[in-house]
Amino acid sequence: MAKSYKDLDIYKISFDLFIRSHRVSMKFPKHELFELGSQIRRSSDSVNSNIVEGYGRRKYQKDFIKFLTYSHSSNDETVNHFKKIKVLYPQFDEEVSSLIDEYDLLGGKIHNFIDYVIRNWKT
């Protein structure tokens, strides 16, 4: 069992993706900084923050699963926002496509971790 949320791969990956997503979003056109840019910053932060909050409630398996599920849905939301950016701003295609691929992989890891917690978690 991980001693801290910092030991979880899903935390490490989601933190890195948040930083990268934030930096990319700050390159968007000025009017988009407060629209899709803001949505991306919030949803990518939520992926990471819900892992941390859920881990803090790990004593209660259902709470842990609930926050991991929030993280997973925020991950999907982030991918959806980036797909919009790809269509609207083709100049970001390469950078955004890479992030989408990595968020898709993270989504699978979060899903697998939820299954693990359902079957095996002990406080």
Protein backbone atom coordinates (compact mmCIF):
# COMPACT_ATOMS: atom_id res chain seq x y z
CA MET A 1 0.00 0.00 0.00
CA ALA A 2 1.20 3.50 -0.83
CA LYS A 3 2.36 5.53 2.16
CA SER A 4 1.16 8.76 0.56
CA TYR A 5 -0.83 9.93 -2.42
CA LYS A 6 2.54 11.13 -3.73
CA ASP A 7 3.51 7.47 -4.21
CA LEU A 8 0.61 6.78 -6.59
CA ASP A 9 1.46 6.70 -10.29
CA ILE A 10 -1.90 8.27 -11.10
CA TYR A 11 -1.03 11.21 -8.85
CA LYS A 12 2.41 11.70 -10.40
CA ILE A 13 1.08 11.48 -13.96
CA SER A 14 -1.91 13.73 -13.27
CA PHE A 15 0.28 16.35 -11.62
CA ASP A 16 2.64 16.41 -14.59
CA LEU A 17 -0.27 16.60 -17.03
CA PHE A 18 -1.85 19.43 -15.05
CA ILE A 19 1.34 21.50 -15.26
CA ARG A 20 1.69 20.84 -18.98
CA SER A 21 -2.01 21.51 -19.64
CA HIS A 22 -1.84 24.76 -17.72
CA ARG A 23 1.18 25.92 -19.71
CA VAL A 24 -0.41 25.03 -23.04
CA SER A 25 -3.66 26.76 -22.10
CA MET A 26 -1.78 29.99 -21.42
CA LYS A 27 -0.69 30.05 -25.09
CA PHE A 28 -4.28 30.17 -26.36
CA PRO A 29 -5.64 33.33 -27.97
CA LYS A 30 -6.48 36.00 -25.40
CA HIS A 31 -10.24 35.54 -25.60
CA GLU A 32 -9.83 31.78 -25.10
CA LEU A 33 -7.83 32.17 -21.87
CA PHE A 34 -11.09 32.76 -20.00
CA GLU A 35 -13.19 30.28 -21.95
CA LEU A 36 -11.80 26.86 -22.91
CA GLY A 37 -8.44 27.74 -21.37
CA SER A 38 -10.06 28.23 -17.99
CA GLN A 39 -12.12 25.04 -18.39
CA ILE A 40 -8.97 23.06 -19.17
CA ARG A 41 -7.10 24.49 -16.19
CA ARG A 42 -9.98 23.66 -13.85
CA SER A 43 -10.73 20.17 -15.16
CA SER A 44 -7.05 19.13 -15.30
CA ASP A 45 -6.59 20.44 -11.75
CA SER A 46 -9.64 18.44 -10.69
CA VAL A 47 -8.14 15.21 -12.04
CA ASN A 48 -5.16 15.66 -9.74
CA SER A 49 -6.91 17.22 -6.74
CA ASN A 50 -9.57 14.52 -6.50
CA ILE A 51 -6.88 11.84 -6.29
CA VAL A 52 -5.34 13.71 -3.36
CA GLU A 53 -8.68 14.32 -1.63
CA GLY A 54 -9.79 10.73 -2.18
CA TYR A 55 -6.55 9.40 -0.76
CA GLY A 56 -7.13 11.53 2.31
CA ARG A 57 -10.44 9.71 2.78
CA ARG A 58 -9.04 6.26 1.99
CA LYS A 59 -10.13 4.97 5.39
CA TYR A 60 -13.63 5.03 3.92
CA GLN A 61 -13.49 2.91 0.76
CA LYS A 62 -16.70 4.35 -0.72
CA ASP A 63 -15.42 7.91 -0.31
CA PHE A 64 -12.11 6.95 -1.88
CA ILE A 65 -13.89 5.40 -4.86
CA LYS A 66 -16.18 8.42 -5.17
CA PHE A 67 -13.26 10.85 -5.46
CA LEU A 68 -11.38 8.57 -7.84
CA THR A 69 -14.54 8.49 -9.97
CA TYR A 70 -14.63 12.31 -9.90
CA SER A 71 -11.00 12.29 -11.02
CA HIS A 72 -11.81 9.91 -13.87
CA SER A 73 -14.74 12.03 -15.06
CA SER A 74 -12.62 15.21 -14.89
CA ASN A 75 -10.02 13.38 -16.96
CA ASP A 76 -12.68 12.71 -19.62
CA GLU A 77 -13.80 16.33 -19.43
CA THR A 78 -10.22 17.53 -19.99
CA VAL A 79 -9.88 15.33 -23.07
CA ASN A 80 -13.15 16.71 -24.42
CA HIS A 81 -11.97 20.32 -23.98
CA PHE A 82 -8.69 19.55 -25.72
CA LYS A 83 -10.57 17.95 -28.63
CA LYS A 84 -12.44 21.24 -29.05
CA ILE A 85 -9.15 23.15 -29.07
CA LYS A 86 -7.78 20.80 -31.76
CA VAL A 87 -10.69 21.64 -34.04
CA LEU A 88 -10.80 25.36 -33.29
CA TYR A 89 -7.06 26.04 -33.26
CA PRO A 90 -5.14 23.68 -35.56
CA GLN A 91 -1.85 25.39 -34.65
CA PHE A 92 -2.03 23.54 -31.31
CA ASP A 93 -2.74 20.15 -32.90
CA GLU A 94 0.60 18.47 -32.18
CA GLU A 95 0.88 19.59 -28.56
CA VAL A 96 -2.78 18.96 -27.80
CA SER A 97 -2.84 15.55 -29.53
CA SER A 98 0.02 14.42 -27.30
CA LEU A 99 -1.84 15.59 -24.18
CA ILE A 100 -5.04 13.85 -25.32
CA ASP A 101 -3.14 10.58 -25.78
CA GLU A 102 -1.57 10.89 -22.34
CA TYR A 103 -4.88 11.76 -20.68
CA ASP A 104 -6.44 8.73 -22.38
CA LEU A 105 -3.71 6.53 -20.88
CA LEU A 106 -4.21 8.16 -17.48
CA GLY A 107 -7.95 7.50 -17.72
CA GLY A 108 -7.21 3.79 -18.12
CA LYS A 109 -4.86 3.85 -15.14
CA ILE A 110 -7.45 5.61 -12.96
CA HIS A 111 -10.09 3.09 -14.07
CA ASN A 112 -7.77 0.20 -13.18
CA PHE A 113 -6.97 1.77 -9.82
CA ILE A 114 -10.68 2.15 -9.05
CA ASP A 115 -11.12 -1.57 -9.79
CA TYR A 116 -8.18 -2.33 -7.51
CA VAL A 117 -9.66 -0.28 -4.68
CA ILE A 118 -13.04 -1.97 -5.10
CA ARG A 119 -11.50 -5.44 -4.87
CA ASN A 120 -8.49 -5.07 -2.58
CA TRP A 121 -8.29 -1.85 -0.61
CA LYS A 122 -7.51 -2.10 3.05
CA THR A 123 -6.87 0.94 5.23
